[in-house]
Amino acid sequence: MSIGDKAKDAVQKAAGHVEEAVGKKTDDAELTAQGQKDKAMSEDRLETERAKDGSN
């Protein structure tokens, strides 16, 4: 995974965290769920790449 892809995943994780927080503050369940989904997806990709990087 390139550094650009890693950065993009980190930004998506941070954006997911913000979406989740805003959703909670505004009682917007859909936004909260979307934020949680974004965080989980980006964390999964980052973990997969960390595993690949460690095995080389």
C-alpha atoms as a PDB file:
ATOM      1  CA  MET A   1       0.000   0.000   0.000  1.00  0.00           C
ATOM      2  CA  SER A   2       1.375   3.366  -0.926  1.00  0.00           C
ATOM      3  CA  ILE A   3       1.828   6.164   1.536  1.00  0.00           C
ATOM      4  CA  GLY A   4      -0.964   8.046  -0.248  1.00  0.00           C
ATOM      5  CA  ASP A   5      -3.374   5.152   0.339  1.00  0.00           C
ATOM      6  CA  LYS A   6      -2.381   4.953   3.994  1.00  0.00           C
ATOM      7  CA  ALA A   7      -2.940   8.684   4.369  1.00  0.00           C
ATOM      8  CA  LYS A   8      -6.323   8.427   2.669  1.00  0.00           C
ATOM      9  CA  ASP A   9      -7.378   5.650   5.050  1.00  0.00           C
ATOM     10  CA  ALA A  10      -6.213   7.681   8.048  1.00  0.00           C
ATOM     11  CA  VAL A  11      -8.203  10.690   6.838  1.00  0.00           C
ATOM     12  CA  GLN A  12     -11.282   8.505   6.291  1.00  0.00           C
ATOM     13  CA  LYS A  13     -10.921   7.139   9.816  1.00  0.00           C
ATOM     14  CA  ALA A  14     -10.709  10.662  11.239  1.00  0.00           C
ATOM     15  CA  ALA A  15     -13.693  11.786   9.165  1.00  0.00           C
ATOM     16  CA  GLY A  16     -15.655   8.789  10.424  1.00  0.00           C
ATOM     17  CA  HIS A  17     -14.823   9.775  13.977  1.00  0.00           C
ATOM     18  CA  VAL A  18     -16.104  13.316  13.325  1.00  0.00           C
ATOM     19  CA  GLU A  19     -19.280  12.037  11.627  1.00  0.00           C
ATOM     20  CA  GLU A  20     -19.966   9.755  14.557  1.00  0.00           C
ATOM     21  CA  ALA A  21     -19.449  12.565  17.078  1.00  0.00           C
ATOM     22  CA  VAL A  22     -21.664  15.004  15.164  1.00  0.00           C
ATOM     23  CA  GLY A  23     -24.316  12.330  14.742  1.00  0.00           C
ATOM     24  CA  LYS A  24     -24.343  11.701  18.481  1.00  0.00           C
ATOM     25  CA  LYS A  25     -24.539  15.415  19.307  1.00  0.00           C
ATOM     26  CA  THR A  26     -27.416  15.977  16.883  1.00  0.00           C
ATOM     27  CA  ASP A  27     -29.190  12.679  17.630  1.00  0.00           C
ATOM     28  CA  ASP A  28     -28.759  11.658  13.984  1.00  0.00           C
ATOM     29  CA  ALA A  29     -28.609   7.866  14.092  1.00  0.00           C
ATOM     30  CA  GLU A  30     -27.881   7.597  10.362  1.00  0.00           C
ATOM     31  CA  LEU A  31     -24.857   9.912  10.572  1.00  0.00           C
ATOM     32  CA  THR A  32     -23.603   8.112  13.678  1.00  0.00           C
ATOM     33  CA  ALA A  33     -23.874   4.755  11.918  1.00  0.00           C
ATOM     34  CA  GLN A  34     -22.126   6.092   8.800  1.00  0.00           C
ATOM     35  CA  GLY A  35     -19.269   7.411  10.929  1.00  0.00           C
ATOM     36  CA  GLN A  36     -18.890   4.069  12.683  1.00  0.00           C
ATOM     37  CA  LYS A  37     -18.928   2.274   9.322  1.00  0.00           C
ATOM     38  CA  ASP A  38     -16.270   4.588   7.869  1.00  0.00           C
ATOM     39  CA  LYS A  39     -14.036   4.137  10.907  1.00  0.00           C
ATOM     40  CA  ALA A  40     -14.376   0.361  10.817  1.00  0.00           C
ATOM     41  CA  MET A  41     -13.692   0.111   7.074  1.00  0.00           C
ATOM     42  CA  SER A  42     -10.600   2.274   7.193  1.00  0.00           C
ATOM     43  CA  GLU A  43      -9.267   0.514  10.303  1.00  0.00           C
ATOM     44  CA  ASP A  44      -9.740  -2.872   8.616  1.00  0.00           C
ATOM     45  CA  ARG A  45      -7.770  -1.708   5.572  1.00  0.00           C
ATOM     46  CA  LEU A  46      -5.022  -0.253   7.763  1.00  0.00           C
ATOM     47  CA  GLU A  47      -4.774  -3.482   9.795  1.00  0.00           C
ATOM     48  CA  THR A  48      -4.596  -5.580   6.631  1.00  0.00           C
ATOM     49  CA  GLU A  49      -1.772  -3.446   5.292  1.00  0.00           C
ATOM     50  CA  ARG A  50       0.068  -3.518   8.636  1.00  0.00           C
ATOM     51  CA  ALA A  51      -0.088  -7.311   8.521  1.00  0.00           C
ATOM     52  CA  LYS A  52       1.235  -7.350   4.948  1.00  0.00           C
ATOM     53  CA  ASP A  53       4.019  -4.922   5.811  1.00  0.00           C
ATOM     54  CA  GLY A  54       5.037  -7.007   8.811  1.00  0.00           C
ATOM     55  CA  SER A  55       5.223 -10.258   6.873  1.00  0.00           C
ATOM     56  CA  ASN A  56       7.670  -8.953   4.244  1.00  0.00           C
END
